[in-house]
Amino acid sequence: MNSILSPTLVRQLPLAIVSGVLITYLGCKSEGVHYPFLLNMLFSIGLGWLQPRRGWILALVQILTIFSSYALVVSTNTIGIEHPDVAEFVAYLAPVPTLAGSFMGGFLKRAFLD
């Protein structure tokens, strides 16, 4: 039986963590929500492309990273949020483009390469 956590999935978990931190950082420094959501969609499509069958695991890790890094930034005020309303909107709405992008990346790879 195949394990859910394959060695390639474990090697790709840091990509999901780094992408979640970058999305949070861009959300805290951006004046609008368009760039963080664009970056979120691109990273999510890439994660789905890397793991077409188990991309949802990477997407959940990315969502948890976005939530936890946003909570860390808000509680410690380490980087200085320039637009708190934009940062909050990006953090709380992150699951929608993350899950949709991961699904689309996996679907596209399975549709065209499998």
PDB file of N, CA and C in Angstrom:
ATOM      1  N   MET A   1       0.841  -1.189   0.000  1.00  0.00           N
ATOM      2  CA  MET A   1       0.000   0.000   0.000  1.00  0.00           C
ATOM      3  C   MET A   1       0.881   1.245   0.000  1.00  0.00           C
ATOM      4  N   ASN A   2       0.480   2.250  -0.734  1.00  0.00           N
ATOM      5  CA  ASN A   2       1.242   3.494  -0.812  1.00  0.00           C
ATOM      6  C   ASN A   2       1.007   4.340   0.427  1.00  0.00           C
ATOM      7  N   SER A   3       2.079   4.854   0.949  1.00  0.00           N
ATOM      8  CA  SER A   3       1.983   5.757   2.087  1.00  0.00           C
ATOM      9  C   SER A   3       1.604   7.148   1.593  1.00  0.00           C
ATOM     10  N   ILE A   4       0.876   7.872   2.416  1.00  0.00           N
ATOM     11  CA  ILE A   4       0.492   9.232   2.025  1.00  0.00           C
ATOM     12  C   ILE A   4       1.720  10.122   1.943  1.00  0.00           C
ATOM     13  N   LEU A   5       2.632   9.970   2.880  1.00  0.00           N
ATOM     14  CA  LEU A   5       3.836  10.799   2.888  1.00  0.00           C
ATOM     15  C   LEU A   5       4.965  10.073   2.163  1.00  0.00           C
ATOM     16  N   SER A   6       5.016  10.220   0.869  1.00  0.00           N
ATOM     17  CA  SER A   6       6.087   9.627   0.081  1.00  0.00           C
ATOM     18  C   SER A   6       7.361  10.463   0.253  1.00  0.00           C
ATOM     19  N   PRO A   7       8.509   9.892  -0.076  1.00  0.00           N
ATOM     20  CA  PRO A   7       9.758  10.664   0.060  1.00  0.00           C
ATOM     21  C   PRO A   7       9.777  11.940  -0.774  1.00  0.00           C
ATOM     22  N   THR A   8       9.189  11.913  -1.971  1.00  0.00           N
ATOM     23  CA  THR A   8       9.173  13.138  -2.776  1.00  0.00           C
ATOM     24  C   THR A   8       8.264  14.191  -2.154  1.00  0.00           C
ATOM     25  N   LEU A   9       7.164  13.774  -1.554  1.00  0.00           N
ATOM     26  CA  LEU A   9       6.277  14.729  -0.888  1.00  0.00           C
ATOM     27  C   LEU A   9       6.977  15.361   0.306  1.00  0.00           C
ATOM     28  N   VAL A  10       7.700  14.568   1.060  1.00  0.00           N
ATOM     29  CA  VAL A  10       8.421  15.101   2.223  1.00  0.00           C
ATOM     30  C   VAL A  10       9.490  16.089   1.783  1.00  0.00           C
ATOM     31  N   ARG A  11      10.143  15.817   0.652  1.00  0.00           N
ATOM     32  CA  ARG A  11      11.154  16.747   0.137  1.00  0.00           C
ATOM     33  C   ARG A  11      10.537  18.045  -0.358  1.00  0.00           C
ATOM     34  N   GLN A  12       9.269  18.006  -0.752  1.00  0.00           N
ATOM     35  CA  GLN A  12       8.616  19.204  -1.277  1.00  0.00           C
ATOM     36  C   GLN A  12       7.888  20.009  -0.206  1.00  0.00           C
ATOM     37  N   LEU A  13       7.798  19.503   1.003  1.00  0.00           N
ATOM     38  CA  LEU A  13       7.147  20.247   2.086  1.00  0.00           C
ATOM     39  C   LEU A  13       7.816  21.591   2.376  1.00  0.00           C
ATOM     40  N   PRO A  14       9.163  21.688   2.352  1.00  0.00           N
ATOM     41  CA  PRO A  14       9.764  23.017   2.556  1.00  0.00           C
ATOM     42  C   PRO A  14       9.366  24.041   1.503  1.00  0.00           C
ATOM     43  N   LEU A  15       9.080  23.602   0.278  1.00  0.00           N
ATOM     44  CA  LEU A  15       8.596  24.542  -0.742  1.00  0.00           C
ATOM     45  C   LEU A  15       7.264  25.159  -0.341  1.00  0.00           C
ATOM     46  N   ALA A  16       6.386  24.348   0.215  1.00  0.00           N
ATOM     47  CA  ALA A  16       5.090  24.860   0.651  1.00  0.00           C
ATOM     48  C   ALA A  16       5.260  25.818   1.828  1.00  0.00           C
ATOM     49  N   ILE A  17       6.187  25.524   2.710  1.00  0.00           N
ATOM     50  CA  ILE A  17       6.421  26.397   3.862  1.00  0.00           C
ATOM     51  C   ILE A  17       7.014  27.727   3.424  1.00  0.00           C
ATOM     52  N   VAL A  18       8.013  27.675   2.555  1.00  0.00           N
ATOM     53  CA  VAL A  18       8.646  28.914   2.073  1.00  0.00           C
ATOM     54  C   VAL A  18       7.655  29.750   1.279  1.00  0.00           C
ATOM     55  N   SER A  19       6.844  29.108   0.454  1.00  0.00           N
ATOM     56  CA  SER A  19       5.869  29.868  -0.323  1.00  0.00           C
ATOM     57  C   SER A  19       4.827  30.512   0.575  1.00  0.00           C
ATOM     58  N   GLY A  20       4.415  29.831   1.642  1.00  0.00           N
ATOM     59  CA  GLY A  20       3.470  30.422   2.586  1.00  0.00           C
ATOM     60  C   GLY A  20       4.045  31.638   3.292  1.00  0.00           C
ATOM     61  N   VAL A  21       5.314  31.566   3.657  1.00  0.00           N
ATOM     62  CA  VAL A  21       5.961  32.710   4.305  1.00  0.00           C
ATOM     63  C   VAL A  21       6.088  33.874   3.334  1.00  0.00           C
ATOM     64  N   LEU A  22       6.437  33.598   2.077  1.00  0.00           N
ATOM     65  CA  LEU A  22       6.548  34.672   1.082  1.00  0.00           C
ATOM     66  C   LEU A  22       5.203  35.329   0.797  1.00  0.00           C
ATOM     67  N   ILE A  23       4.150  34.545   0.751  1.00  0.00           N
ATOM     68  CA  ILE A  23       2.818  35.106   0.529  1.00  0.00           C
ATOM     69  C   ILE A  23       2.423  36.000   1.697  1.00  0.00           C
ATOM     70  N   THR A  24       2.710  35.566   2.907  1.00  0.00           N
ATOM     71  CA  THR A  24       2.397  36.385   4.082  1.00  0.00           C
ATOM     72  C   THR A  24       3.207  37.673   4.082  1.00  0.00           C
ATOM     73  N   TYR A  25       4.489  37.562   3.758  1.00  0.00           N
ATOM     74  CA  TYR A  25       5.336  38.751   3.736  1.00  0.00           C
ATOM     75  C   TYR A  25       4.843  39.746   2.687  1.00  0.00           C
ATOM     76  N   LEU A  26       4.517  39.252   1.501  1.00  0.00           N
ATOM     77  CA  LEU A  26       4.027  40.146   0.462  1.00  0.00           C
ATOM     78  C   LEU A  26       2.681  40.753   0.847  1.00  0.00           C
ATOM     79  N   GLY A  27       1.837  39.971   1.529  1.00  0.00           N
ATOM     80  CA  GLY A  27       0.560  40.502   1.994  1.00  0.00           C
ATOM     81  C   GLY A  27       0.732  41.596   3.024  1.00  0.00           C
ATOM     82  N   CYS A  28       1.774  41.489   3.843  1.00  0.00           N
ATOM     83  CA  CYS A  28       2.019  42.518   4.862  1.00  0.00           C
ATOM     84  C   CYS A  28       2.645  43.778   4.279  1.00  0.00           C
ATOM     85  N   LYS A  29       3.346  43.656   3.175  1.00  0.00           N
ATOM     86  CA  LYS A  29       4.031  44.806   2.582  1.00  0.00           C
ATOM     87  C   LYS A  29       3.313  45.415   1.385  1.00  0.00           C
ATOM     88  N   SER A  30       2.296  44.764   0.881  1.00  0.00           N
ATOM     89  CA  SER A  30       1.631  45.210  -0.341  1.00  0.00           C
ATOM     90  C   SER A  30       0.552  46.244  -0.047  1.00  0.00           C
ATOM     91  N   GLU A  31       0.307  47.083  -1.033  1.00  0.00           N
ATOM     92  CA  GLU A  31      -0.756  48.083  -0.910  1.00  0.00           C
ATOM     93  C   GLU A  31      -2.108  47.527  -1.347  1.00  0.00           C
ATOM     94  N   GLY A  32      -2.109  46.489  -2.136  1.00  0.00           N
ATOM     95  CA  GLY A  32      -3.340  45.877  -2.614  1.00  0.00           C
ATOM     96  C   GLY A  32      -3.265  44.368  -2.494  1.00  0.00           C
ATOM     97  N   VAL A  33      -4.361  43.721  -2.787  1.00  0.00           N
ATOM     98  CA  VAL A  33      -4.415  42.269  -2.629  1.00  0.00           C
ATOM     99  C   VAL A  33      -4.041  41.522  -3.909  1.00  0.00           C
ATOM    100  N   HIS A  34      -3.824  42.235  -4.999  1.00  0.00           N
ATOM    101  CA  HIS A  34      -3.638  41.568  -6.282  1.00  0.00           C
ATOM    102  C   HIS A  34      -2.317  40.815  -6.372  1.00  0.00           C
ATOM    103  N   TYR A  35      -1.223  41.416  -5.957  1.00  0.00           N
ATOM    104  CA  TYR A  35       0.069  40.734  -6.036  1.00  0.00           C
ATOM    105  C   TYR A  35       0.163  39.532  -5.096  1.00  0.00           C
ATOM    106  N   PRO A  36      -0.273  39.649  -3.843  1.00  0.00           N
ATOM    107  CA  PRO A  36      -0.232  38.444  -2.997  1.00  0.00           C
ATOM    108  C   PRO A  36      -1.097  37.309  -3.529  1.00  0.00           C
ATOM    109  N   PHE A  37      -2.265  37.627  -4.086  1.00  0.00           N
ATOM    110  CA  PHE A  37      -3.121  36.564  -4.624  1.00  0.00           C
ATOM    111  C   PHE A  37      -2.546  35.976  -5.907  1.00  0.00           C
ATOM    112  N   LEU A  38      -1.905  36.795  -6.723  1.00  0.00           N
ATOM    113  CA  LEU A  38      -1.244  36.274  -7.916  1.00  0.00           C
ATOM    114  C   LEU A  38      -0.121  35.320  -7.522  1.00  0.00           C
ATOM    115  N   LEU A  39       0.693  35.740  -6.571  1.00  0.00           N
ATOM    116  CA  LEU A  39       1.763  34.878  -6.091  1.00  0.00           C
ATOM    117  C   LEU A  39       1.206  33.607  -5.464  1.00  0.00           C
ATOM    118  N   ASN A  40       0.114  33.729  -4.737  1.00  0.00           N
ATOM    119  CA  ASN A  40      -0.519  32.569  -4.126  1.00  0.00           C
ATOM    120  C   ASN A  40      -0.991  31.589  -5.199  1.00  0.00           C
ATOM    121  N   MET A  41      -1.638  32.086  -6.237  1.00  0.00           N
ATOM    122  CA  MET A  41      -2.105  31.200  -7.308  1.00  0.00           C
ATOM    123  C   MET A  41      -0.937  30.532  -8.033  1.00  0.00           C
ATOM    124  N   LEU A  42       0.117  31.281  -8.322  1.00  0.00           N
ATOM    125  CA  LEU A  42       1.256  30.697  -9.026  1.00  0.00           C
ATOM    126  C   LEU A  42       1.935  29.622  -8.199  1.00  0.00           C
ATOM    127  N   PHE A  43       2.168  29.905  -6.911  1.00  0.00           N
ATOM    128  CA  PHE A  43       2.766  28.898  -6.040  1.00  0.00           C
ATOM    129  C   PHE A  43       1.863  27.681  -5.897  1.00  0.00           C
ATOM    130  N   SER A  44       0.573  27.898  -5.768  1.00  0.00           N
ATOM    131  CA  SER A  44      -0.361  26.791  -5.578  1.00  0.00           C
ATOM    132  C   SER A  44      -0.457  25.918  -6.831  1.00  0.00           C
ATOM    133  N   ILE A  45      -0.475  26.540  -7.993  1.00  0.00           N
ATOM    134  CA  ILE A  45      -0.478  25.760  -9.231  1.00  0.00           C
ATOM    135  C   ILE A  45       0.812  24.953  -9.332  1.00  0.00           C
ATOM    136  N   GLY A  46       1.916  25.544  -8.934  1.00  0.00           N
ATOM    137  CA  GLY A  46       3.185  24.817  -8.936  1.00  0.00           C
ATOM    138  C   GLY A  46       3.189  23.646  -7.971  1.00  0.00           C
ATOM    139  N   LEU A  47       2.618  23.829  -6.796  1.00  0.00           N
ATOM    140  CA  LEU A  47       2.554  22.724  -5.831  1.00  0.00           C
ATOM    141  C   LEU A  47       1.660  21.608  -6.342  1.00  0.00           C
ATOM    142  N   GLY A  48       0.553  21.966  -6.971  1.00  0.00           N
ATOM    143  CA  GLY A  48      -0.311  20.953  -7.560  1.00  0.00           C
ATOM    144  C   GLY A  48       0.354  20.236  -8.724  1.00  0.00           C
ATOM    145  N   TRP A  49       1.159  20.958  -9.474  1.00  0.00           N
ATOM    146  CA  TRP A  49       1.889  20.356 -10.593  1.00  0.00           C
ATOM    147  C   TRP A  49       2.933  19.367 -10.072  1.00  0.00           C
ATOM    148  N   LEU A  50       3.603  19.717  -8.971  1.00  0.00           N
ATOM    149  CA  LEU A  50       4.618  18.826  -8.411  1.00  0.00           C
ATOM    150  C   LEU A  50       4.009  17.538  -7.874  1.00  0.00           C
ATOM    151  N   GLN A  51       2.853  17.642  -7.240  1.00  0.00           N
ATOM    152  CA  GLN A  51       2.175  16.488  -6.656  1.00  0.00           C
ATOM    153  C   GLN A  51       0.741  16.433  -7.178  1.00  0.00           C
ATOM    154  N   PRO A  52       0.523  15.864  -8.367  1.00  0.00           N
ATOM    155  CA  PRO A  52      -0.824  15.896  -8.927  1.00  0.00           C
ATOM    156  C   PRO A  52      -1.848  15.098  -8.125  1.00  0.00           C
ATOM    157  N   ARG A  53      -1.433  14.076  -7.421  1.00  0.00           N
ATOM    158  CA  ARG A  53      -2.387  13.269  -6.657  1.00  0.00           C
ATOM    159  C   ARG A  53      -2.461  13.686  -5.192  1.00  0.00           C
ATOM    160  N   ARG A  54      -1.390  14.233  -4.655  1.00  0.00           N
ATOM    161  CA  ARG A  54      -1.362  14.608  -3.251  1.00  0.00           C
ATOM    162  C   ARG A  54      -1.043  16.098  -3.053  1.00  0.00           C
ATOM    163  N   GLY A  55      -1.405  16.901  -4.020  1.00  0.00           N
ATOM    164  CA  GLY A  55      -1.154  18.338  -3.912  1.00  0.00           C
ATOM    165  C   GLY A  55      -1.954  18.992  -2.812  1.00  0.00           C
ATOM    166  N   TRP A  56      -3.037  18.385  -2.403  1.00  0.00           N
ATOM    167  CA  TRP A  56      -3.854  18.946  -1.326  1.00  0.00           C
ATOM    168  C   TRP A  56      -3.089  18.968  -0.011  1.00  0.00           C
ATOM    169  N   ILE A  57      -2.164  18.026   0.171  1.00  0.00           N
ATOM    170  CA  ILE A  57      -1.355  18.028   1.400  1.00  0.00           C
ATOM    171  C   ILE A  57      -0.440  19.242   1.404  1.00  0.00           C
ATOM    172  N   LEU A  58       0.216  19.500   0.275  1.00  0.00           N
ATOM    173  CA  LEU A  58       1.072  20.683   0.178  1.00  0.00           C
ATOM    174  C   LEU A  58       0.263  21.962   0.305  1.00  0.00           C
ATOM    175  N   ALA A  59      -0.950  21.963  -0.247  1.00  0.00           N
ATOM    176  CA  ALA A  59      -1.812  23.140  -0.128  1.00  0.00           C
ATOM    177  C   ALA A  59      -2.202  23.383   1.329  1.00  0.00           C
ATOM    178  N   LEU A  60      -2.524  22.336   2.062  1.00  0.00           N
ATOM    179  CA  LEU A  60      -2.859  22.503   3.481  1.00  0.00           C
ATOM    180  C   LEU A  60      -1.669  22.990   4.291  1.00  0.00           C
ATOM    181  N   VAL A  61      -0.478  22.497   3.969  1.00  0.00           N
ATOM    182  CA  VAL A  61       0.735  22.980   4.655  1.00  0.00           C
ATOM    183  C   VAL A  61       0.946  24.457   4.345  1.00  0.00           C
ATOM    184  N   GLN A  62       0.726  24.854   3.095  1.00  0.00           N
ATOM    185  CA  GLN A  62       0.868  26.261   2.737  1.00  0.00           C
ATOM    186  C   GLN A  62      -0.159  27.123   3.467  1.00  0.00           C
ATOM    187  N   ILE A  63      -1.398  26.668   3.573  1.00  0.00           N
ATOM    188  CA  ILE A  63      -2.433  27.424   4.289  1.00  0.00           C
ATOM    189  C   ILE A  63      -2.077  27.557   5.762  1.00  0.00           C
ATOM    190  N   LEU A  64      -1.660  26.468   6.381  1.00  0.00           N
ATOM    191  CA  LEU A  64      -1.278  26.525   7.797  1.00  0.00           C
ATOM    192  C   LEU A  64      -0.077  27.438   8.006  1.00  0.00           C
ATOM    193  N   THR A  65       0.852  27.443   7.052  1.00  0.00           N
ATOM    194  CA  THR A  65       2.001  28.341   7.149  1.00  0.00           C
ATOM    195  C   THR A  65       1.573  29.797   7.032  1.00  0.00           C
ATOM    196  N   ILE A  66       0.652  30.087   6.135  1.00  0.00           N
ATOM    197  CA  ILE A  66       0.167  31.466   5.986  1.00  0.00           C
ATOM    198  C   ILE A  66      -0.515  31.924   7.266  1.00  0.00           C
ATOM    199  N   PHE A  67      -1.399  31.085   7.808  1.00  0.00           N
ATOM    200  CA  PHE A  67      -2.090  31.451   9.047  1.00  0.00           C
ATOM    201  C   PHE A  67      -1.116  31.638  10.209  1.00  0.00           C
ATOM    202  N   SER A  68      -0.187  30.692  10.373  1.00  0.00           N
ATOM    203  CA  SER A  68       0.724  30.778  11.521  1.00  0.00           C
ATOM    204  C   SER A  68       1.725  31.917  11.366  1.00  0.00           C
ATOM    205  N   SER A  69       2.228  32.158  10.157  1.00  0.00           N
ATOM    206  CA  SER A  69       3.176  33.262   9.994  1.00  0.00           C
ATOM    207  C   SER A  69       2.480  34.610  10.135  1.00  0.00           C
ATOM    208  N   TYR A  70       1.220  34.703   9.691  1.00  0.00           N
ATOM    209  CA  TYR A  70       0.472  35.948   9.894  1.00  0.00           C
ATOM    210  C   TYR A  70       0.222  36.182  11.386  1.00  0.00           C
ATOM    211  N   ALA A  71      -0.138  35.138  12.098  1.00  0.00           N
ATOM    212  CA  ALA A  71      -0.347  35.279  13.543  1.00  0.00           C
ATOM    213  C   ALA A  71       0.946  35.664  14.250  1.00  0.00           C
ATOM    214  N   LEU A  72       2.064  35.115  13.803  1.00  0.00           N
ATOM    215  CA  LEU A  72       3.358  35.462  14.392  1.00  0.00           C
ATOM    216  C   LEU A  72       3.717  36.913  14.112  1.00  0.00           C
ATOM    217  N   VAL A  73       3.473  37.368  12.895  1.00  0.00           N
ATOM    218  CA  VAL A  73       3.781  38.755  12.538  1.00  0.00           C
ATOM    219  C   VAL A  73       2.899  39.720  13.328  1.00  0.00           C
ATOM    220  N   VAL A  74       1.621  39.401  13.462  1.00  0.00           N
ATOM    221  CA  VAL A  74       0.710  40.280  14.189  1.00  0.00           C
ATOM    222  C   VAL A  74       1.058  40.317  15.673  1.00  0.00           C
ATOM    223  N   SER A  75       1.391  39.173  16.249  1.00  0.00           N
ATOM    224  CA  SER A  75       1.663  39.138  17.687  1.00  0.00           C
ATOM    225  C   SER A  75       3.001  39.776  18.052  1.00  0.00           C
ATOM    226  N   THR A  76       3.991  39.661  17.169  1.00  0.00           N
ATOM    227  CA  THR A  76       5.310  40.215  17.492  1.00  0.00           C
ATOM    228  C   THR A  76       5.610  41.523  16.783  1.00  0.00           C
ATOM    229  N   ASN A  77       4.868  41.835  15.710  1.00  0.00           N
ATOM    230  CA  ASN A  77       5.092  43.033  14.901  1.00  0.00           C
ATOM    231  C   ASN A  77       6.550  43.129  14.460  1.00  0.00           C
ATOM    232  N   THR A  78       7.046  42.033  13.895  1.00  0.00           N
ATOM    233  CA  THR A  78       8.457  41.966  13.515  1.00  0.00           C
ATOM    234  C   THR A  78       8.781  42.737  12.244  1.00  0.00           C
ATOM    235  N   ILE A  79       7.919  42.674  11.223  1.00  0.00           N
ATOM    236  CA  ILE A  79       8.267  43.324   9.957  1.00  0.00           C
ATOM    237  C   ILE A  79       7.508  44.615   9.734  1.00  0.00           C
ATOM    238  N   GLY A  80       6.585  44.944  10.584  1.00  0.00           N
ATOM    239  CA  GLY A  80       5.829  46.179  10.436  1.00  0.00           C
ATOM    240  C   GLY A  80       4.831  46.111   9.298  1.00  0.00           C
ATOM    241  N   ILE A  81       3.606  45.860   9.615  1.00  0.00           N
ATOM    242  CA  ILE A  81       2.566  45.742   8.601  1.00  0.00           C
ATOM    243  C   ILE A  81       2.189  47.139   8.130  1.00  0.00           C
ATOM    244  N   GLU A  82       2.337  47.381   6.823  1.00  0.00           N
ATOM    245  CA  GLU A  82       2.056  48.706   6.273  1.00  0.00           C
ATOM    246  C   GLU A  82       0.563  48.950   6.088  1.00  0.00           C
ATOM    247  N   HIS A  83      -0.159  47.930   5.663  1.00  0.00           N
ATOM    248  CA  HIS A  83      -1.604  48.024   5.463  1.00  0.00           C
ATOM    249  C   HIS A  83      -2.256  46.835   6.164  1.00  0.00           C
ATOM    250  N   PRO A  84      -2.658  47.005   7.417  1.00  0.00           N
ATOM    251  CA  PRO A  84      -3.181  45.863   8.175  1.00  0.00           C
ATOM    252  C   PRO A  84      -4.444  45.252   7.582  1.00  0.00           C
ATOM    253  N   ASP A  85      -5.281  46.062   6.944  1.00  0.00           N
ATOM    254  CA  ASP A  85      -6.501  45.512   6.354  1.00  0.00           C
ATOM    255  C   ASP A  85      -6.184  44.601   5.166  1.00  0.00           C
ATOM    256  N   VAL A  86      -5.199  44.963   4.363  1.00  0.00           N
ATOM    257  CA  VAL A  86      -4.797  44.132   3.231  1.00  0.00           C
ATOM    258  C   VAL A  86      -4.166  42.840   3.737  1.00  0.00           C
ATOM    259  N   ALA A  87      -3.304  42.937   4.735  1.00  0.00           N
ATOM    260  CA  ALA A  87      -2.644  41.754   5.275  1.00  0.00           C
ATOM    261  C   ALA A  87      -3.652  40.780   5.877  1.00  0.00           C
ATOM    262  N   GLU A  88      -4.630  41.311   6.577  1.00  0.00           N
ATOM    263  CA  GLU A  88      -5.650  40.449   7.172  1.00  0.00           C
ATOM    264  C   GLU A  88      -6.507  39.788   6.095  1.00  0.00           C
ATOM    265  N   PHE A  89      -6.877  40.540   5.078  1.00  0.00           N
ATOM    266  CA  PHE A  89      -7.682  40.004   3.989  1.00  0.00           C
ATOM    267  C   PHE A  89      -6.930  38.897   3.256  1.00  0.00           C
ATOM    268  N   VAL A  90      -5.651  39.128   2.974  1.00  0.00           N
ATOM    269  CA  VAL A  90      -4.843  38.131   2.272  1.00  0.00           C
ATOM    270  C   VAL A  90      -4.699  36.873   3.119  1.00  0.00           C
ATOM    271  N   ALA A  91      -4.475  37.043   4.407  1.00  0.00           N
ATOM    272  CA  ALA A  91      -4.272  35.877   5.269  1.00  0.00           C
ATOM    273  C   ALA A  91      -5.542  35.046   5.420  1.00  0.00           C
ATOM    274  N   TYR A  92      -6.658  35.690   5.621  1.00  0.00           N
ATOM    275  CA  TYR A  92      -7.883  34.943   5.881  1.00  0.00           C
ATOM    276  C   TYR A  92      -8.556  34.408   4.623  1.00  0.00           C
ATOM    277  N   LEU A  93      -8.267  34.986   3.479  1.00  0.00           N
ATOM    278  CA  LEU A  93      -8.852  34.491   2.243  1.00  0.00           C
ATOM    279  C   LEU A  93      -7.892  33.565   1.489  1.00  0.00           C
ATOM    280  N   ALA A  94      -6.732  33.291   2.056  1.00  0.00           N
ATOM    281  CA  ALA A  94      -5.712  32.465   1.402  1.00  0.00           C
ATOM    282  C   ALA A  94      -6.153  31.047   1.049  1.00  0.00           C
ATOM    283  N   PRO A  95      -7.002  30.390   1.828  1.00  0.00           N
ATOM    284  CA  PRO A  95      -7.369  29.012   1.451  1.00  0.00           C
ATOM    285  C   PRO A  95      -8.056  28.893   0.098  1.00  0.00           C
ATOM    286  N   VAL A  96      -8.784  29.902  -0.324  1.00  0.00           N
ATOM    287  CA  VAL A  96      -9.529  29.797  -1.587  1.00  0.00           C
ATOM    288  C   VAL A  96      -8.582  29.682  -2.787  1.00  0.00           C
ATOM    289  N   PRO A  97      -7.668  30.630  -3.014  1.00  0.00           N
ATOM    290  CA  PRO A  97      -6.780  30.459  -4.174  1.00  0.00           C
ATOM    291  C   PRO A  97      -5.777  29.326  -3.993  1.00  0.00           C
ATOM    292  N   THR A  98      -5.427  29.010  -2.748  1.00  0.00           N
ATOM    293  CA  THR A  98      -4.471  27.938  -2.532  1.00  0.00           C
ATOM    294  C   THR A  98      -5.061  26.593  -2.938  1.00  0.00           C
ATOM    295  N   LEU A  99      -6.238  26.286  -2.468  1.00  0.00           N
ATOM    296  CA  LEU A  99      -6.853  25.006  -2.817  1.00  0.00           C
ATOM    297  C   LEU A  99      -7.250  24.948  -4.287  1.00  0.00           C
ATOM    298  N   ALA A 100      -7.762  26.055  -4.823  1.00  0.00           N
ATOM    299  CA  ALA A 100      -8.139  26.077  -6.241  1.00  0.00           C
ATOM    300  C   ALA A 100      -6.917  25.946  -7.141  1.00  0.00           C
ATOM    301  N   GLY A 101      -5.844  26.637  -6.807  1.00  0.00           N
ATOM    302  CA  GLY A 101      -4.625  26.559  -7.611  1.00  0.00           C
ATOM    303  C   GLY A 101      -3.978  25.190  -7.550  1.00  0.00           C
ATOM    304  N   SER A 102      -3.969  24.586  -6.383  1.00  0.00           N
ATOM    305  CA  SER A 102      -3.405  23.252  -6.248  1.00  0.00           C
ATOM    306  C   SER A 102      -4.207  22.236  -7.054  1.00  0.00           C
ATOM    307  N   PHE A 103      -5.516  22.358  -7.014  1.00  0.00           N
ATOM    308  CA  PHE A 103      -6.363  21.477  -7.815  1.00  0.00           C
ATOM    309  C   PHE A 103      -6.097  21.670  -9.304  1.00  0.00           C
ATOM    310  N   MET A 104      -6.008  22.918  -9.736  1.00  0.00           N
ATOM    311  CA  MET A 104      -5.796  23.188 -11.155  1.00  0.00           C
ATOM    312  C   MET A 104      -4.426  22.704 -11.628  1.00  0.00           C
ATOM    313  N   GLY A 105      -3.395  22.882 -10.802  1.00  0.00           N
ATOM    314  CA  GLY A 105      -2.069  22.406 -11.177  1.00  0.00           C
ATOM    315  C   GLY A 105      -2.039  20.891 -11.321  1.00  0.00           C
ATOM    316  N   GLY A 106      -2.637  20.199 -10.371  1.00  0.00           N
ATOM    317  CA  GLY A 106      -2.703  18.739 -10.468  1.00  0.00           C
ATOM    318  C   GLY A 106      -3.539  18.278 -11.636  1.00  0.00           C
ATOM    319  N   PHE A 107      -4.649  18.960 -11.881  1.00  0.00           N
ATOM    320  CA  PHE A 107      -5.521  18.600 -13.010  1.00  0.00           C
ATOM    321  C   PHE A 107      -4.797  18.801 -14.332  1.00  0.00           C
ATOM    322  N   LEU A 108      -4.108  19.918 -14.485  1.00  0.00           N
ATOM    323  CA  LEU A 108      -3.411  20.187 -15.736  1.00  0.00           C
ATOM    324  C   LEU A 108      -2.296  19.178 -15.999  1.00  0.00           C
ATOM    325  N   LYS A 109      -1.561  18.809 -14.957  1.00  0.00           N
ATOM    326  CA  LYS A 109      -0.493  17.834 -15.172  1.00  0.00           C
ATOM    327  C   LYS A 109      -1.066  16.463 -15.522  1.00  0.00           C
ATOM    328  N   ARG A 110      -2.121  16.059 -14.825  1.00  0.00           N
ATOM    329  CA  ARG A 110      -2.720  14.752 -15.136  1.00  0.00           C
ATOM    330  C   ARG A 110      -3.374  14.766 -16.519  1.00  0.00           C
ATOM    331  N   ALA A 111      -3.952  15.892 -16.911  1.00  0.00           N
ATOM    332  CA  ALA A 111      -4.652  15.959 -18.197  1.00  0.00           C
ATOM    333  C   ALA A 111      -3.679  15.954 -19.376  1.00  0.00           C
ATOM    334  N   PHE A 112      -2.530  16.592 -19.229  1.00  0.00           N
ATOM    335  CA  PHE A 112      -1.654  16.738 -20.372  1.00  0.00           C
ATOM    336  C   PHE A 112      -0.434  15.821 -20.359  1.00  0.00           C
ATOM    337  N   LEU A 113      -0.020  15.338 -19.200  1.00  0.00           N
ATOM    338  CA  LEU A 113       1.205  14.534 -19.158  1.00  0.00           C
ATOM    339  C   LEU A 113       0.987  13.095 -18.729  1.00  0.00           C
ATOM    340  N   ASP A 114      -0.139  12.771 -18.167  1.00  0.00           N
ATOM    341  CA  ASP A 114      -0.367  11.378 -17.750  1.00  0.00           C
ATOM    342  C   ASP A 114      -1.136  10.621 -18.801  1.00  0.00           C
TER     343      ASP A 114
END
